[in-house]
């Protein structure tokens, strides 16, 4: 499975790092394209998050609309925007695709491929909610970066991993993760 990971300037770069680490570790993952929005690196640096490097990873410039994720004929199976700004969701909901992140997301929708937005914003305005409804109606999945506490996480990383585990599961990639009820068996 070849996956595009788009990192926007929303707070929560740890989610992107944990996702890329999970994808790199999976035998089901082939290529991983990483695309950063204009300010995503600065936010990640401010938050003290460094992205992993690996032979599976290829990075594309967000201004490169000739990059393979911009084409429906390219072999990208799914895309995750993590963390996703509500602005990115809004531009896609409006059909605007001026950057590689926006065009690749548009391609995922038109080709009926898996597109996941891990939205990291709070509170949400009515405009944000309507845009999330629009992309959901178009076929995307919106996952608020709302961690779960069932597994009794003891670190921020463990807490954030609960969101990433849901994303990986939605991509159809098997992994070890907490399952509700298994702790009672």
N, C-alpha and C. Protein backbone atom coordinates (compact mmCIF):
# COMPACT_ATOMS: atom_id res chain seq x y z
N UNK A 1 0.85 -1.17 0.00
CA UNK A 1 0.00 0.00 0.00
C UNK A 1 0.89 1.24 0.00
N UNK A 2 0.66 2.14 -0.93
CA UNK A 2 1.40 3.39 -1.04
C UNK A 2 0.55 4.52 -0.49
N UNK A 3 1.11 5.28 0.44
CA UNK A 3 0.31 6.25 1.19
C UNK A 3 0.95 7.63 1.15
N UNK A 4 0.13 8.63 0.91
CA UNK A 4 0.54 10.03 0.98
C UNK A 4 0.22 10.54 2.39
N UNK A 5 1.22 11.14 3.02
CA UNK A 5 1.02 11.76 4.33
C UNK A 5 1.26 13.25 4.16
N UNK A 6 0.23 14.04 4.36
CA UNK A 6 0.35 15.49 4.27
C UNK A 6 0.37 16.06 5.67
N UNK A 7 1.32 16.93 5.92
CA UNK A 7 1.47 17.54 7.25
C UNK A 7 1.19 19.03 7.10
N UNK A 8 0.13 19.51 7.75
CA UNK A 8 -0.17 20.93 7.67
C UNK A 8 0.36 21.63 8.92
N UNK A 9 0.19 22.92 8.98
CA UNK A 9 0.74 23.72 10.07
C UNK A 9 -0.14 23.74 11.31
N UNK A 10 -1.16 22.89 11.35
CA UNK A 10 -1.95 22.78 12.58
C UNK A 10 -1.06 22.21 13.68
N UNK A 11 -1.34 22.55 14.90
CA UNK A 11 -0.59 21.99 16.02
C UNK A 11 -0.86 20.49 16.09
N UNK A 12 0.17 19.73 16.50
CA UNK A 12 0.00 18.28 16.63
C UNK A 12 0.89 17.48 15.70
N UNK A 13 2.08 17.98 15.43
CA UNK A 13 3.02 17.26 14.56
C UNK A 13 3.35 15.87 15.09
N UNK A 14 3.20 15.66 16.39
CA UNK A 14 3.45 14.34 16.96
C UNK A 14 2.58 13.28 16.30
N UNK A 15 1.36 13.63 15.91
CA UNK A 15 0.49 12.68 15.22
C UNK A 15 1.11 12.25 13.89
N UNK A 16 1.67 13.19 13.16
CA UNK A 16 2.31 12.85 11.88
C UNK A 16 3.51 11.95 12.11
N UNK A 17 4.34 12.28 13.09
CA UNK A 17 5.53 11.45 13.37
C UNK A 17 5.12 10.04 13.74
N UNK A 18 4.17 9.89 14.64
CA UNK A 18 3.73 8.56 15.06
C UNK A 18 3.12 7.77 13.90
N UNK A 19 2.38 8.46 13.03
CA UNK A 19 1.80 7.78 11.87
C UNK A 19 2.90 7.29 10.94
N UNK A 20 3.83 8.16 10.61
CA UNK A 20 4.91 7.76 9.69
C UNK A 20 5.71 6.61 10.29
N UNK A 21 5.99 6.65 11.57
CA UNK A 21 6.71 5.54 12.22
C UNK A 21 5.92 4.24 12.09
N UNK A 22 4.61 4.28 12.29
CA UNK A 22 3.78 3.09 12.16
C UNK A 22 3.78 2.57 10.73
N UNK A 23 3.69 3.48 9.76
CA UNK A 23 3.68 3.07 8.36
C UNK A 23 5.02 2.47 7.94
N UNK A 24 6.10 3.07 8.38
CA UNK A 24 7.43 2.55 8.07
C UNK A 24 7.59 1.13 8.63
N UNK A 25 7.07 0.90 9.82
CA UNK A 25 7.22 -0.40 10.49
C UNK A 25 6.34 -1.50 9.88
N UNK A 26 5.34 -1.12 9.10
CA UNK A 26 4.40 -2.09 8.57
C UNK A 26 4.93 -2.76 7.30
N UNK A 27 4.76 -4.08 7.23
CA UNK A 27 5.10 -4.83 6.01
C UNK A 27 4.13 -4.54 4.88
N UNK A 28 2.95 -4.02 5.20
CA UNK A 28 1.93 -3.72 4.19
C UNK A 28 2.15 -2.39 3.49
N UNK A 29 3.08 -1.60 4.02
CA UNK A 29 3.32 -0.28 3.44
C UNK A 29 4.47 -0.34 2.44
N UNK A 30 4.22 0.21 1.26
CA UNK A 30 5.26 0.34 0.25
C UNK A 30 5.89 1.71 0.36
N UNK A 31 5.54 2.59 -0.57
CA UNK A 31 6.07 3.95 -0.55
C UNK A 31 5.23 4.84 0.35
N UNK A 32 5.91 5.81 0.96
CA UNK A 32 5.25 6.82 1.78
C UNK A 32 5.69 8.17 1.24
N UNK A 33 4.74 8.93 0.71
CA UNK A 33 5.03 10.29 0.25
C UNK A 33 4.73 11.23 1.40
N UNK A 34 5.64 12.13 1.69
CA UNK A 34 5.39 13.16 2.70
C UNK A 34 5.40 14.52 2.02
N UNK A 35 4.36 15.29 2.30
CA UNK A 35 4.24 16.65 1.77
C UNK A 35 3.95 17.57 2.95
N UNK A 36 4.76 18.59 3.11
CA UNK A 36 4.58 19.57 4.18
C UNK A 36 3.97 20.85 3.62
N UNK A 37 3.01 21.40 4.34
CA UNK A 37 2.51 22.72 3.96
C UNK A 37 3.59 23.74 4.25
N UNK A 38 3.35 24.96 3.83
CA UNK A 38 4.37 26.01 3.93
C UNK A 38 4.93 26.17 5.35
N UNK A 39 4.09 26.14 6.36
CA UNK A 39 4.55 26.38 7.72
C UNK A 39 4.61 25.13 8.60
N UNK A 40 4.36 23.96 8.04
CA UNK A 40 4.30 22.74 8.84
C UNK A 40 5.62 22.43 9.53
N UNK A 41 6.73 22.60 8.83
CA UNK A 41 8.03 22.30 9.44
C UNK A 41 8.32 23.22 10.63
N UNK A 42 7.97 24.48 10.48
CA UNK A 42 8.21 25.44 11.57
C UNK A 42 7.39 25.06 12.80
N UNK A 43 6.16 24.64 12.60
CA UNK A 43 5.32 24.23 13.72
C UNK A 43 5.89 22.97 14.37
N UNK A 44 6.28 22.00 13.54
CA UNK A 44 6.86 20.76 14.08
C UNK A 44 8.13 21.06 14.87
N UNK A 45 8.96 21.92 14.34
CA UNK A 45 10.19 22.30 15.05
C UNK A 45 9.87 22.99 16.37
N UNK A 46 8.90 23.88 16.34
CA UNK A 46 8.48 24.58 17.57
C UNK A 46 7.98 23.58 18.62
N UNK A 47 7.29 22.53 18.16
CA UNK A 47 6.76 21.51 19.06
C UNK A 47 7.80 20.45 19.43
N UNK A 48 9.01 20.57 18.86
CA UNK A 48 10.08 19.62 19.18
C UNK A 48 9.91 18.26 18.54
N UNK A 49 9.27 18.22 17.37
CA UNK A 49 8.99 16.96 16.68
C UNK A 49 9.87 16.85 15.44
N UNK A 50 10.60 15.74 15.35
CA UNK A 50 11.40 15.43 14.16
C UNK A 50 10.79 14.23 13.48
N UNK A 51 10.62 14.32 12.18
CA UNK A 51 10.04 13.23 11.42
C UNK A 51 11.10 12.16 11.16
N UNK A 52 10.67 10.90 11.12
CA UNK A 52 11.63 9.83 10.83
C UNK A 52 12.09 9.88 9.38
N UNK A 53 13.20 9.24 9.13
CA UNK A 53 13.68 9.07 7.76
C UNK A 53 13.77 7.57 7.50
N UNK A 54 13.53 7.18 6.26
CA UNK A 54 13.56 5.77 5.90
C UNK A 54 13.57 5.67 4.38
N UNK A 55 14.04 4.54 3.88
CA UNK A 55 14.09 4.32 2.44
C UNK A 55 12.70 4.31 1.80
N UNK A 56 11.66 4.00 2.57
CA UNK A 56 10.29 3.98 2.04
C UNK A 56 9.76 5.39 1.78
N UNK A 57 10.37 6.39 2.40
CA UNK A 57 9.84 7.75 2.38
C UNK A 57 10.42 8.56 1.24
N UNK A 58 9.54 9.22 0.51
CA UNK A 58 9.95 10.20 -0.50
C UNK A 58 9.21 11.50 -0.16
N UNK A 59 9.92 12.59 -0.20
CA UNK A 59 9.31 13.88 0.13
C UNK A 59 9.08 14.69 -1.14
N UNK A 60 7.91 15.32 -1.19
CA UNK A 60 7.56 16.18 -2.31
C UNK A 60 7.30 17.59 -1.80
N UNK A 61 7.65 18.56 -2.61
CA UNK A 61 7.36 19.96 -2.29
C UNK A 61 5.87 20.22 -2.49
N UNK A 62 5.29 20.98 -1.61
CA UNK A 62 3.87 21.31 -1.71
C UNK A 62 3.57 22.17 -2.93
N UNK A 63 4.58 22.78 -3.50
CA UNK A 63 4.37 23.60 -4.70
C UNK A 63 4.55 22.80 -6.00
N UNK A 64 4.92 21.52 -5.90
CA UNK A 64 5.20 20.69 -7.08
C UNK A 64 3.94 19.97 -7.55
N UNK A 65 3.19 20.63 -8.41
CA UNK A 65 1.97 20.02 -8.93
C UNK A 65 2.23 19.00 -10.03
N UNK A 66 3.52 18.77 -10.35
CA UNK A 66 3.89 17.71 -11.28
C UNK A 66 4.30 16.44 -10.53
N UNK A 67 4.28 16.47 -9.22
CA UNK A 67 4.63 15.30 -8.42
C UNK A 67 3.56 14.22 -8.59
N UNK A 68 3.95 12.98 -8.45
CA UNK A 68 3.02 11.88 -8.72
C UNK A 68 1.74 11.88 -7.88
N UNK A 69 1.73 12.33 -6.62
CA UNK A 69 0.45 12.35 -5.89
C UNK A 69 -0.60 13.28 -6.51
N UNK A 70 -0.20 14.14 -7.44
CA UNK A 70 -1.14 15.06 -8.08
C UNK A 70 -1.91 14.40 -9.23
N UNK A 71 -1.58 13.15 -9.54
CA UNK A 71 -2.21 12.48 -10.68
C UNK A 71 -2.99 11.25 -10.25
N UNK A 72 -4.17 11.11 -10.78
CA UNK A 72 -4.98 9.93 -10.52
C UNK A 72 -4.40 8.68 -11.13
N UNK A 73 -3.51 8.82 -12.11
CA UNK A 73 -2.91 7.64 -12.73
C UNK A 73 -1.71 7.12 -11.94
N UNK A 74 -1.31 7.84 -10.90
CA UNK A 74 -0.20 7.39 -10.06
C UNK A 74 -0.72 6.36 -9.05
N UNK A 75 0.16 5.52 -8.59
CA UNK A 75 -0.22 4.40 -7.72
C UNK A 75 -0.18 4.76 -6.24
N UNK A 76 -0.96 5.76 -5.84
CA UNK A 76 -1.10 6.10 -4.42
C UNK A 76 -2.46 5.59 -3.97
N UNK A 77 -2.46 4.76 -2.94
CA UNK A 77 -3.68 4.08 -2.52
C UNK A 77 -4.52 4.87 -1.53
N UNK A 78 -3.88 5.70 -0.73
CA UNK A 78 -4.60 6.41 0.33
C UNK A 78 -3.81 7.66 0.71
N UNK A 79 -4.48 8.55 1.43
CA UNK A 79 -3.84 9.78 1.89
C UNK A 79 -4.37 10.14 3.27
N UNK A 80 -3.45 10.59 4.12
CA UNK A 80 -3.82 11.06 5.44
C UNK A 80 -3.27 12.47 5.60
N UNK A 81 -4.11 13.41 5.96
CA UNK A 81 -3.68 14.77 6.27
C UNK A 81 -3.64 14.85 7.79
N UNK A 82 -2.41 14.93 8.33
CA UNK A 82 -2.22 14.81 9.77
C UNK A 82 -1.05 15.66 10.24
N UNK A 83 -1.21 16.59 11.13
CA UNK A 83 -2.49 17.12 11.55
C UNK A 83 -3.09 17.94 10.42
N UNK A 84 -4.38 18.02 10.40
CA UNK A 84 -5.04 18.78 9.35
C UNK A 84 -5.59 20.08 9.91
N UNK A 85 -5.26 21.15 9.24
CA UNK A 85 -5.87 22.44 9.59
C UNK A 85 -7.29 22.46 9.03
N UNK A 86 -8.15 23.25 9.64
CA UNK A 86 -9.50 23.39 9.10
C UNK A 86 -9.47 24.16 7.79
N UNK A 87 -8.43 24.95 7.57
CA UNK A 87 -8.28 25.64 6.30
C UNK A 87 -8.08 24.66 5.15
N UNK A 88 -7.30 23.61 5.39
CA UNK A 88 -7.09 22.60 4.36
C UNK A 88 -8.41 21.90 4.04
N UNK A 89 -9.16 21.54 5.07
CA UNK A 89 -10.47 20.92 4.86
C UNK A 89 -11.38 21.86 4.09
N UNK A 90 -11.38 23.13 4.47
CA UNK A 90 -12.24 24.12 3.82
C UNK A 90 -11.92 24.32 2.34
N UNK A 91 -10.62 24.36 2.02
CA UNK A 91 -10.25 24.52 0.61
C UNK A 91 -10.69 23.31 -0.21
N UNK A 92 -10.53 22.11 0.34
CA UNK A 92 -10.97 20.93 -0.38
C UNK A 92 -12.49 20.92 -0.51
N UNK A 93 -13.19 21.29 0.55
CA UNK A 93 -14.66 21.33 0.51
C UNK A 93 -15.15 22.30 -0.56
N UNK A 94 -14.37 23.35 -0.81
CA UNK A 94 -14.74 24.34 -1.83
C UNK A 94 -14.23 23.98 -3.22
N UNK A 95 -13.51 22.87 -3.33
CA UNK A 95 -12.99 22.45 -4.63
C UNK A 95 -11.74 23.20 -5.05
N UNK A 96 -11.05 23.80 -4.11
CA UNK A 96 -9.84 24.57 -4.41
C UNK A 96 -8.63 23.67 -4.22
N UNK A 97 -7.82 23.54 -5.26
CA UNK A 97 -6.60 22.72 -5.13
C UNK A 97 -5.44 23.44 -5.81
N UNK A 98 -4.82 24.33 -5.06
CA UNK A 98 -3.71 25.12 -5.59
C UNK A 98 -2.35 24.61 -5.15
N UNK A 99 -2.31 23.67 -4.22
CA UNK A 99 -1.04 23.11 -3.73
C UNK A 99 -1.08 21.61 -3.95
N UNK A 100 0.07 20.96 -3.77
CA UNK A 100 0.11 19.50 -3.92
C UNK A 100 -0.78 18.81 -2.88
N UNK A 101 -0.78 19.31 -1.65
CA UNK A 101 -1.64 18.69 -0.63
C UNK A 101 -3.09 18.74 -1.07
N UNK A 102 -3.54 19.91 -1.52
CA UNK A 102 -4.93 20.06 -1.93
C UNK A 102 -5.24 19.22 -3.18
N UNK A 103 -4.34 19.23 -4.15
CA UNK A 103 -4.56 18.46 -5.38
C UNK A 103 -4.56 16.95 -5.09
N UNK A 104 -3.61 16.49 -4.27
CA UNK A 104 -3.56 15.05 -3.94
C UNK A 104 -4.83 14.62 -3.22
N UNK A 105 -5.34 15.46 -2.31
CA UNK A 105 -6.59 15.15 -1.62
C UNK A 105 -7.75 15.12 -2.61
N UNK A 106 -7.77 16.06 -3.54
CA UNK A 106 -8.79 16.10 -4.58
C UNK A 106 -8.73 14.82 -5.43
N UNK A 107 -7.53 14.38 -5.75
CA UNK A 107 -7.35 13.15 -6.52
C UNK A 107 -7.91 11.95 -5.75
N UNK A 108 -7.64 11.88 -4.46
CA UNK A 108 -8.16 10.77 -3.67
C UNK A 108 -9.67 10.72 -3.74
N UNK A 109 -10.32 11.86 -3.65
CA UNK A 109 -11.78 11.89 -3.72
C UNK A 109 -12.28 11.48 -5.11
N UNK A 110 -11.71 12.05 -6.14
CA UNK A 110 -12.22 11.76 -7.48
C UNK A 110 -11.96 10.33 -7.91
N UNK A 111 -10.90 9.72 -7.38
CA UNK A 111 -10.57 8.34 -7.71
C UNK A 111 -11.21 7.35 -6.73
N UNK A 112 -11.96 7.87 -5.76
CA UNK A 112 -12.64 7.05 -4.75
C UNK A 112 -11.65 6.22 -3.93
N UNK A 113 -10.55 6.89 -3.56
CA UNK A 113 -9.55 6.26 -2.71
C UNK A 113 -9.68 6.81 -1.28
N UNK A 114 -9.10 6.15 -0.35
CA UNK A 114 -9.21 6.51 1.07
C UNK A 114 -8.52 7.84 1.33
N UNK A 115 -9.24 8.77 1.94
CA UNK A 115 -8.72 10.08 2.34
C UNK A 115 -9.15 10.34 3.77
N UNK A 116 -8.17 10.57 4.64
CA UNK A 116 -8.44 10.78 6.06
C UNK A 116 -7.88 12.13 6.49
N UNK A 117 -8.71 12.93 7.14
CA UNK A 117 -8.27 14.19 7.74
C UNK A 117 -8.25 14.02 9.25
N UNK A 118 -7.09 14.21 9.86
CA UNK A 118 -6.99 14.20 11.32
C UNK A 118 -7.00 15.66 11.75
N UNK A 119 -8.20 16.17 11.99
CA UNK A 119 -8.40 17.59 12.27
C UNK A 119 -7.96 17.92 13.69
N UNK A 120 -7.13 18.95 13.79
CA UNK A 120 -6.60 19.38 15.08
C UNK A 120 -6.98 20.84 15.29
N UNK A 121 -8.21 21.04 15.69
CA UNK A 121 -8.71 22.40 15.91
C UNK A 121 -9.81 22.34 16.96
N UNK A 122 -9.85 23.34 17.81
CA UNK A 122 -10.93 23.43 18.78
C UNK A 122 -11.01 24.86 19.29
N UNK A 123 -12.16 25.40 19.52
CA UNK A 123 -13.47 24.87 19.15
C UNK A 123 -13.67 24.95 17.65
N UNK A 124 -14.74 24.36 17.18
CA UNK A 124 -15.06 24.37 15.75
C UNK A 124 -16.21 25.33 15.49
N UNK A 125 -16.06 26.13 14.45
CA UNK A 125 -17.15 27.03 14.06
C UNK A 125 -18.13 26.27 13.17
N UNK A 126 -19.26 26.87 12.93
CA UNK A 126 -20.25 26.26 12.04
C UNK A 126 -19.66 26.08 10.64
N UNK A 127 -18.84 27.01 10.19
CA UNK A 127 -18.19 26.88 8.88
C UNK A 127 -17.30 25.65 8.86
N UNK A 128 -16.50 25.45 9.92
CA UNK A 128 -15.62 24.26 10.00
C UNK A 128 -16.46 22.99 9.91
N UNK A 129 -17.53 22.95 10.69
CA UNK A 129 -18.38 21.76 10.73
C UNK A 129 -19.01 21.48 9.37
N UNK A 130 -19.49 22.53 8.71
CA UNK A 130 -20.10 22.34 7.38
C UNK A 130 -19.07 21.85 6.36
N UNK A 131 -17.84 22.36 6.47
CA UNK A 131 -16.79 21.89 5.55
C UNK A 131 -16.46 20.43 5.82
N UNK A 132 -16.45 20.03 7.08
CA UNK A 132 -16.20 18.62 7.41
C UNK A 132 -17.33 17.73 6.89
N UNK A 133 -18.55 18.21 6.97
CA UNK A 133 -19.68 17.46 6.41
C UNK A 133 -19.50 17.33 4.89
N UNK A 134 -19.11 18.42 4.23
CA UNK A 134 -18.95 18.39 2.77
C UNK A 134 -17.90 17.38 2.33
N UNK A 135 -16.74 17.36 3.00
CA UNK A 135 -15.71 16.39 2.58
C UNK A 135 -16.12 14.97 2.95
N UNK A 136 -16.87 14.81 4.03
CA UNK A 136 -17.36 13.48 4.40
C UNK A 136 -18.36 12.99 3.36
N UNK A 137 -19.26 13.87 2.94
CA UNK A 137 -20.22 13.50 1.89
C UNK A 137 -19.52 13.15 0.59
N UNK A 138 -18.35 13.75 0.36
CA UNK A 138 -17.59 13.48 -0.87
C UNK A 138 -16.77 12.20 -0.75
N UNK A 139 -16.72 11.61 0.45
CA UNK A 139 -16.02 10.33 0.59
C UNK A 139 -14.86 10.31 1.56
N UNK A 140 -14.48 11.45 2.10
CA UNK A 140 -13.36 11.49 3.05
C UNK A 140 -13.83 11.03 4.43
N UNK A 141 -12.86 10.75 5.28
CA UNK A 141 -13.12 10.42 6.68
C UNK A 141 -12.48 11.52 7.51
N UNK A 142 -13.23 12.08 8.45
CA UNK A 142 -12.71 13.11 9.34
C UNK A 142 -12.56 12.50 10.73
N UNK A 143 -11.34 12.55 11.24
CA UNK A 143 -11.07 12.06 12.58
C UNK A 143 -10.56 13.23 13.40
N UNK A 144 -11.33 13.70 14.34
CA UNK A 144 -10.79 14.74 15.22
C UNK A 144 -9.64 14.13 16.02
N UNK A 145 -8.62 14.89 16.25
CA UNK A 145 -7.47 14.41 17.02
C UNK A 145 -7.86 14.36 18.49
N UNK A 146 -8.81 13.47 18.78
CA UNK A 146 -9.35 13.31 20.13
C UNK A 146 -8.91 11.95 20.65
N UNK A 147 -7.89 11.93 21.46
CA UNK A 147 -7.39 10.63 21.95
C UNK A 147 -8.37 9.96 22.89
N UNK A 148 -8.21 8.64 23.01
CA UNK A 148 -9.05 7.89 23.94
C UNK A 148 -8.25 7.55 25.20
N UNK A 149 -8.97 7.25 26.24
CA UNK A 149 -8.35 6.99 27.54
C UNK A 149 -8.57 5.56 28.01
N UNK A 150 -9.25 4.74 27.19
CA UNK A 150 -9.55 3.36 27.58
C UNK A 150 -8.29 2.57 27.95
N UNK A 151 -7.22 2.79 27.22
CA UNK A 151 -5.99 2.02 27.45
C UNK A 151 -5.16 2.54 28.62
N UNK A 152 -5.66 3.58 29.27
CA UNK A 152 -4.98 4.21 30.40
C UNK A 152 -3.56 4.66 30.05
N UNK A 153 -3.44 5.50 29.01
CA UNK A 153 -2.11 5.97 28.59
C UNK A 153 -1.44 6.76 29.71
N UNK A 154 -0.13 6.59 29.82
CA UNK A 154 0.60 7.28 30.89
C UNK A 154 1.52 8.37 30.38
N UNK A 155 1.63 8.52 29.05
CA UNK A 155 2.45 9.58 28.48
C UNK A 155 1.65 10.27 27.38
N UNK A 156 2.10 11.46 27.02
CA UNK A 156 1.46 12.18 25.91
C UNK A 156 1.58 11.36 24.63
N UNK A 157 2.72 10.74 24.42
CA UNK A 157 2.92 9.93 23.21
C UNK A 157 1.94 8.75 23.17
N UNK A 158 1.76 8.07 24.28
CA UNK A 158 0.80 6.96 24.33
C UNK A 158 -0.61 7.47 24.06
N UNK A 159 -0.93 8.64 24.57
CA UNK A 159 -2.25 9.23 24.35
C UNK A 159 -2.45 9.54 22.86
N UNK A 160 -1.46 10.16 22.25
CA UNK A 160 -1.55 10.49 20.83
C UNK A 160 -1.59 9.24 19.96
N UNK A 161 -0.92 8.20 20.41
CA UNK A 161 -0.89 6.95 19.65
C UNK A 161 -2.31 6.36 19.50
N UNK A 162 -3.22 6.65 20.45
CA UNK A 162 -4.57 6.12 20.34
C UNK A 162 -5.28 6.66 19.09
N UNK A 163 -4.98 7.88 18.72
CA UNK A 163 -5.55 8.46 17.49
C UNK A 163 -4.90 7.83 16.27
N UNK A 164 -3.59 7.72 16.29
CA UNK A 164 -2.85 7.16 15.16
C UNK A 164 -3.26 5.71 14.92
N UNK A 165 -3.49 4.94 15.98
CA UNK A 165 -3.93 3.55 15.81
C UNK A 165 -5.26 3.48 15.06
N UNK A 166 -6.15 4.42 15.32
CA UNK A 166 -7.43 4.46 14.59
C UNK A 166 -7.20 4.78 13.11
N UNK A 167 -6.27 5.70 12.83
CA UNK A 167 -5.97 6.05 11.45
C UNK A 167 -5.41 4.84 10.71
N UNK A 168 -4.44 4.18 11.31
CA UNK A 168 -3.81 3.01 10.68
C UNK A 168 -4.86 1.93 10.43
N UNK A 169 -5.74 1.71 11.39
CA UNK A 169 -6.81 0.72 11.21
C UNK A 169 -7.72 1.10 10.05
N UNK A 170 -8.05 2.38 9.93
CA UNK A 170 -8.90 2.84 8.82
C UNK A 170 -8.21 2.71 7.47
N UNK A 171 -6.89 2.70 7.47
CA UNK A 171 -6.14 2.46 6.23
C UNK A 171 -6.16 0.98 5.86
N UNK A 172 -6.61 0.14 6.78
CA UNK A 172 -6.66 -1.30 6.52
C UNK A 172 -5.36 -2.01 6.82
N UNK A 173 -4.54 -1.40 7.64
CA UNK A 173 -3.24 -1.99 7.99
C UNK A 173 -3.34 -2.61 9.37
N UNK A 174 -3.03 -3.89 9.45
CA UNK A 174 -3.06 -4.60 10.73
C UNK A 174 -1.90 -4.15 11.60
N UNK A 175 -2.18 -3.99 12.89
CA UNK A 175 -1.14 -3.64 13.85
C UNK A 175 -1.61 -4.02 15.24
N UNK A 176 -0.69 -4.14 16.14
CA UNK A 176 -1.05 -4.38 17.53
C UNK A 176 -1.56 -3.07 18.11
N UNK A 177 -2.72 -3.14 18.76
CA UNK A 177 -3.28 -1.94 19.37
C UNK A 177 -4.27 -2.36 20.46
N UNK A 178 -4.61 -1.40 21.27
CA UNK A 178 -5.58 -1.64 22.34
C UNK A 178 -6.94 -1.90 21.73
N UNK A 179 -7.63 -2.90 22.22
CA UNK A 179 -9.00 -3.19 21.81
C UNK A 179 -9.89 -3.24 23.03
N UNK A 180 -10.96 -2.45 22.99
CA UNK A 180 -11.91 -2.41 24.10
C UNK A 180 -12.45 -3.82 24.35
N UNK A 181 -12.45 -4.20 25.61
CA UNK A 181 -12.99 -5.49 25.98
C UNK A 181 -11.94 -6.59 26.07
N UNK A 182 -10.84 -6.48 25.34
CA UNK A 182 -9.78 -7.50 25.38
C UNK A 182 -9.12 -7.54 26.74
N UNK A 183 -9.09 -6.41 27.45
CA UNK A 183 -8.47 -6.37 28.77
C UNK A 183 -9.34 -7.09 29.81
N UNK A 184 -10.57 -7.40 29.44
CA UNK A 184 -11.50 -8.07 30.37
C UNK A 184 -11.52 -9.58 30.13
N UNK A 185 -10.92 -10.04 29.05
CA UNK A 185 -10.93 -11.47 28.71
C UNK A 185 -9.87 -12.23 29.47
